[in-house]
Amino acid sequence: MAVKTTINFDDEMQAALAELVELDGTKTLAIKRSLMAQVQRRRRRQAMLDLIADWEAKDGPIDQAHLDWADAVLDRQGVEKEQVDR
């Protein structure tokens, strides 16, 4: 079943939508694809957090040396790190 939703955009959101329309062709496609992409990112992030929590529950907390190593790998690859409450 299709549902209509009205969204009010400020100037920044309008500019972002215009940028996405350039890629996706229409406002509808841009919004739908962006919404699905965000849901998928959040699901992957939560799955990773769940995996880490399970790992730590079985094997204990990840030690600082391993975290430092992982940070160095991410830095070399240019990956932006997000603060996560642990």
N, C-alpha and C. Protein backbone atom coordinates (compact mmCIF):
# COMPACT_ATOMS: atom_id res chain seq x y z
N MET A 1 0.84 -1.17 0.00
CA MET A 1 0.00 0.00 0.00
C MET A 1 0.89 1.24 0.00
N ALA A 2 0.62 2.14 -0.88
CA ALA A 2 1.38 3.39 -0.98
C ALA A 2 0.86 4.39 0.05
N VAL A 3 1.78 5.15 0.63
CA VAL A 3 1.44 6.18 1.60
C VAL A 3 2.12 7.47 1.18
N LYS A 4 1.41 8.57 1.25
CA LYS A 4 1.98 9.87 0.91
C LYS A 4 2.40 10.56 2.20
N THR A 5 3.54 11.22 2.13
CA THR A 5 4.05 11.97 3.27
C THR A 5 4.51 13.33 2.76
N THR A 6 4.20 14.36 3.52
CA THR A 6 4.64 15.71 3.16
C THR A 6 5.82 16.06 4.05
N ILE A 7 6.88 16.59 3.44
CA ILE A 7 8.08 16.97 4.18
C ILE A 7 8.42 18.40 3.81
N ASN A 8 8.68 19.23 4.81
CA ASN A 8 9.12 20.60 4.57
C ASN A 8 10.64 20.64 4.65
N PHE A 9 11.28 21.19 3.61
CA PHE A 9 12.73 21.29 3.54
C PHE A 9 13.18 22.73 3.72
N ASP A 10 14.23 22.91 4.50
CA ASP A 10 14.87 24.22 4.56
C ASP A 10 15.81 24.33 3.36
N ASP A 11 16.52 25.45 3.25
CA ASP A 11 17.39 25.67 2.09
C ASP A 11 18.47 24.61 1.96
N GLU A 12 19.05 24.22 3.09
CA GLU A 12 20.11 23.20 3.06
C GLU A 12 19.58 21.87 2.55
N MET A 13 18.40 21.48 3.01
CA MET A 13 17.81 20.22 2.56
C MET A 13 17.41 20.29 1.08
N GLN A 14 16.93 21.44 0.64
CA GLN A 14 16.59 21.60 -0.78
C GLN A 14 17.82 21.46 -1.65
N ALA A 15 18.93 22.03 -1.20
CA ALA A 15 20.18 21.92 -1.96
C ALA A 15 20.64 20.47 -2.00
N ALA A 16 20.53 19.77 -0.87
CA ALA A 16 20.93 18.36 -0.82
C ALA A 16 20.06 17.53 -1.76
N LEU A 17 18.76 17.80 -1.74
CA LEU A 17 17.85 17.07 -2.62
C LEU A 17 18.17 17.36 -4.09
N ALA A 18 18.46 18.60 -4.41
CA ALA A 18 18.81 18.94 -5.80
C ALA A 18 20.05 18.18 -6.24
N GLU A 19 21.02 18.05 -5.34
CA GLU A 19 22.24 17.29 -5.65
C GLU A 19 21.91 15.83 -5.92
N LEU A 20 21.03 15.27 -5.10
CA LEU A 20 20.64 13.86 -5.29
C LEU A 20 19.83 13.66 -6.56
N VAL A 21 19.00 14.62 -6.89
CA VAL A 21 18.21 14.53 -8.12
C VAL A 21 19.11 14.46 -9.34
N GLU A 22 20.24 15.18 -9.28
CA GLU A 22 21.21 15.12 -10.38
C GLU A 22 21.69 13.68 -10.59
N LEU A 23 21.81 12.93 -9.50
CA LEU A 23 22.28 11.55 -9.59
C LEU A 23 21.16 10.57 -9.92
N ASP A 24 19.99 10.79 -9.31
CA ASP A 24 18.92 9.79 -9.41
C ASP A 24 17.83 10.12 -10.42
N GLY A 25 17.78 11.36 -10.89
CA GLY A 25 16.84 11.70 -11.96
C GLY A 25 15.55 12.36 -11.51
N THR A 26 14.98 11.93 -10.41
CA THR A 26 13.73 12.53 -9.92
C THR A 26 13.80 12.68 -8.41
N LYS A 27 12.96 13.58 -7.89
CA LYS A 27 12.90 13.76 -6.44
C LYS A 27 12.46 12.47 -5.75
N THR A 28 11.47 11.84 -6.33
CA THR A 28 10.94 10.62 -5.71
C THR A 28 12.03 9.55 -5.60
N LEU A 29 12.73 9.30 -6.69
CA LEU A 29 13.81 8.30 -6.66
C LEU A 29 14.92 8.71 -5.69
N ALA A 30 15.27 9.99 -5.69
CA ALA A 30 16.33 10.47 -4.81
C ALA A 30 15.96 10.24 -3.35
N ILE A 31 14.75 10.56 -2.98
CA ILE A 31 14.31 10.39 -1.59
C ILE A 31 14.23 8.92 -1.23
N LYS A 32 13.63 8.11 -2.10
CA LYS A 32 13.49 6.68 -1.80
C LYS A 32 14.86 6.01 -1.67
N ARG A 33 15.76 6.28 -2.60
CA ARG A 33 17.08 5.65 -2.55
C ARG A 33 17.88 6.11 -1.33
N SER A 34 17.78 7.39 -1.01
CA SER A 34 18.49 7.91 0.16
C SER A 34 17.95 7.32 1.45
N LEU A 35 16.65 7.19 1.54
CA LEU A 35 16.03 6.60 2.73
C LEU A 35 16.47 5.15 2.90
N MET A 36 16.44 4.39 1.82
CA MET A 36 16.85 2.99 1.91
C MET A 36 18.34 2.86 2.23
N ALA A 37 19.16 3.72 1.64
CA ALA A 37 20.60 3.68 1.91
C ALA A 37 20.87 3.98 3.39
N GLN A 38 20.16 4.94 3.95
CA GLN A 38 20.35 5.27 5.36
C GLN A 38 19.92 4.12 6.26
N VAL A 39 18.81 3.49 5.96
CA VAL A 39 18.36 2.34 6.74
C VAL A 39 19.40 1.22 6.68
N GLN A 40 19.94 0.96 5.50
CA GLN A 40 20.95 -0.09 5.36
C GLN A 40 22.21 0.24 6.15
N ARG A 41 22.65 1.51 6.12
CA ARG A 41 23.83 1.93 6.90
C ARG A 41 23.58 1.72 8.39
N ARG A 42 22.41 2.10 8.85
CA ARG A 42 22.10 1.94 10.28
C ARG A 42 22.01 0.47 10.67
N ARG A 43 21.46 -0.36 9.80
CA ARG A 43 21.41 -1.79 10.09
C ARG A 43 22.81 -2.40 10.16
N ARG A 44 23.67 -2.02 9.21
CA ARG A 44 25.05 -2.53 9.22
C ARG A 44 25.78 -2.07 10.48
N ARG A 45 25.60 -0.82 10.84
CA ARG A 45 26.25 -0.28 12.03
C ARG A 45 25.78 -1.05 13.27
N GLN A 46 24.48 -1.26 13.38
CA GLN A 46 23.96 -1.98 14.54
C GLN A 46 24.43 -3.43 14.55
N ALA A 47 24.50 -4.06 13.39
CA ALA A 47 25.00 -5.43 13.31
C ALA A 47 26.45 -5.50 13.78
N MET A 48 27.25 -4.50 13.41
CA MET A 48 28.64 -4.48 13.85
C MET A 48 28.72 -4.27 15.36
N LEU A 49 27.91 -3.37 15.90
CA LEU A 49 27.90 -3.16 17.35
C LEU A 49 27.46 -4.43 18.09
N ASP A 50 26.47 -5.13 17.54
CA ASP A 50 26.01 -6.38 18.14
C ASP A 50 27.11 -7.44 18.10
N LEU A 51 27.83 -7.52 16.96
CA LEU A 51 28.92 -8.47 16.83
C LEU A 51 30.01 -8.20 17.86
N ILE A 52 30.37 -6.93 18.02
CA ILE A 52 31.40 -6.57 19.00
C ILE A 52 30.93 -6.89 20.41
N ALA A 53 29.67 -6.59 20.73
CA ALA A 53 29.14 -6.89 22.06
C ALA A 53 29.17 -8.39 22.34
N ASP A 54 28.80 -9.19 21.35
CA ASP A 54 28.85 -10.65 21.51
C ASP A 54 30.28 -11.13 21.71
N TRP A 55 31.19 -10.59 20.90
CA TRP A 55 32.61 -10.95 21.00
C TRP A 55 33.13 -10.63 22.40
N GLU A 56 32.84 -9.43 22.87
CA GLU A 56 33.32 -9.04 24.18
C GLU A 56 32.67 -9.84 25.30
N ALA A 57 31.42 -10.23 25.12
CA ALA A 57 30.74 -11.05 26.13
C ALA A 57 31.40 -12.43 26.24
N LYS A 58 31.90 -12.95 25.13
CA LYS A 58 32.53 -14.27 25.13
C LYS A 58 34.00 -14.21 25.52
N ASP A 59 34.72 -13.22 24.97
CA ASP A 59 36.18 -13.19 25.11
C ASP A 59 36.70 -12.04 25.96
N GLY A 60 35.82 -11.22 26.51
CA GLY A 60 36.25 -10.08 27.28
C GLY A 60 36.43 -8.85 26.40
N PRO A 61 36.63 -7.71 27.04
CA PRO A 61 36.75 -6.46 26.29
C PRO A 61 37.93 -6.48 25.31
N ILE A 62 37.76 -5.78 24.22
CA ILE A 62 38.84 -5.63 23.25
C ILE A 62 39.89 -4.74 23.89
N ASP A 63 41.14 -5.19 23.85
CA ASP A 63 42.19 -4.43 24.54
C ASP A 63 42.59 -3.19 23.75
N GLN A 64 43.21 -2.24 24.43
CA GLN A 64 43.58 -0.96 23.83
C GLN A 64 44.56 -1.13 22.67
N ALA A 65 45.45 -2.09 22.75
CA ALA A 65 46.41 -2.31 21.66
C ALA A 65 45.68 -2.67 20.37
N HIS A 66 44.66 -3.49 20.46
CA HIS A 66 43.89 -3.87 19.27
C HIS A 66 43.11 -2.67 18.75
N LEU A 67 42.52 -1.87 19.64
CA LEU A 67 41.80 -0.67 19.22
C LEU A 67 42.73 0.32 18.52
N ASP A 68 43.93 0.48 19.07
CA ASP A 68 44.92 1.38 18.44
C ASP A 68 45.31 0.88 17.06
N TRP A 69 45.50 -0.43 16.92
CA TRP A 69 45.82 -1.02 15.62
C TRP A 69 44.69 -0.76 14.63
N ALA A 70 43.44 -0.98 15.06
CA ALA A 70 42.29 -0.76 14.18
C ALA A 70 42.20 0.70 13.77
N ASP A 71 42.43 1.63 14.71
CA ASP A 71 42.42 3.05 14.38
C ASP A 71 43.47 3.39 13.34
N ALA A 72 44.66 2.82 13.47
CA ALA A 72 45.74 3.08 12.51
C ALA A 72 45.36 2.57 11.12
N VAL A 73 44.73 1.41 11.05
CA VAL A 73 44.29 0.87 9.77
C VAL A 73 43.25 1.80 9.13
N LEU A 74 42.27 2.23 9.92
CA LEU A 74 41.23 3.12 9.41
C LEU A 74 41.82 4.45 8.96
N ASP A 75 42.78 4.97 9.74
CA ASP A 75 43.44 6.23 9.37
C ASP A 75 44.16 6.10 8.03
N ARG A 76 44.89 5.00 7.83
CA ARG A 76 45.61 4.79 6.57
C ARG A 76 44.66 4.72 5.39
N GLN A 77 43.47 4.18 5.63
CA GLN A 77 42.50 4.04 4.54
C GLN A 77 41.63 5.28 4.37
N GLY A 78 41.82 6.27 5.25
CA GLY A 78 41.05 7.50 5.15
C GLY A 78 39.60 7.37 5.57
N VAL A 79 39.32 6.37 6.40
CA VAL A 79 37.96 6.16 6.86
C VAL A 79 37.65 7.11 8.01
N GLU A 80 36.54 7.81 7.88
CA GLU A 80 36.11 8.71 8.95
C GLU A 80 35.56 7.87 10.09
N LYS A 81 36.03 8.15 11.29
CA LYS A 81 35.57 7.38 12.44
C LYS A 81 34.46 8.13 13.15
N GLU A 82 33.47 7.37 13.60
CA GLU A 82 32.32 7.93 14.30
C GLU A 82 32.47 7.57 15.78
N GLN A 83 32.17 8.52 16.64
CA GLN A 83 32.22 8.23 18.07
C GLN A 83 31.08 7.29 18.41
N VAL A 84 31.38 6.23 19.15
CA VAL A 84 30.38 5.26 19.55
C VAL A 84 30.42 5.15 21.06
N ASP A 85 29.26 5.30 21.68
CA ASP A 85 29.19 5.09 23.11
C ASP A 85 29.34 3.62 23.40
N ARG A 86 30.27 3.28 24.29
CA ARG A 86 30.49 1.87 24.62
C ARG A 86 30.05 1.60 26.01
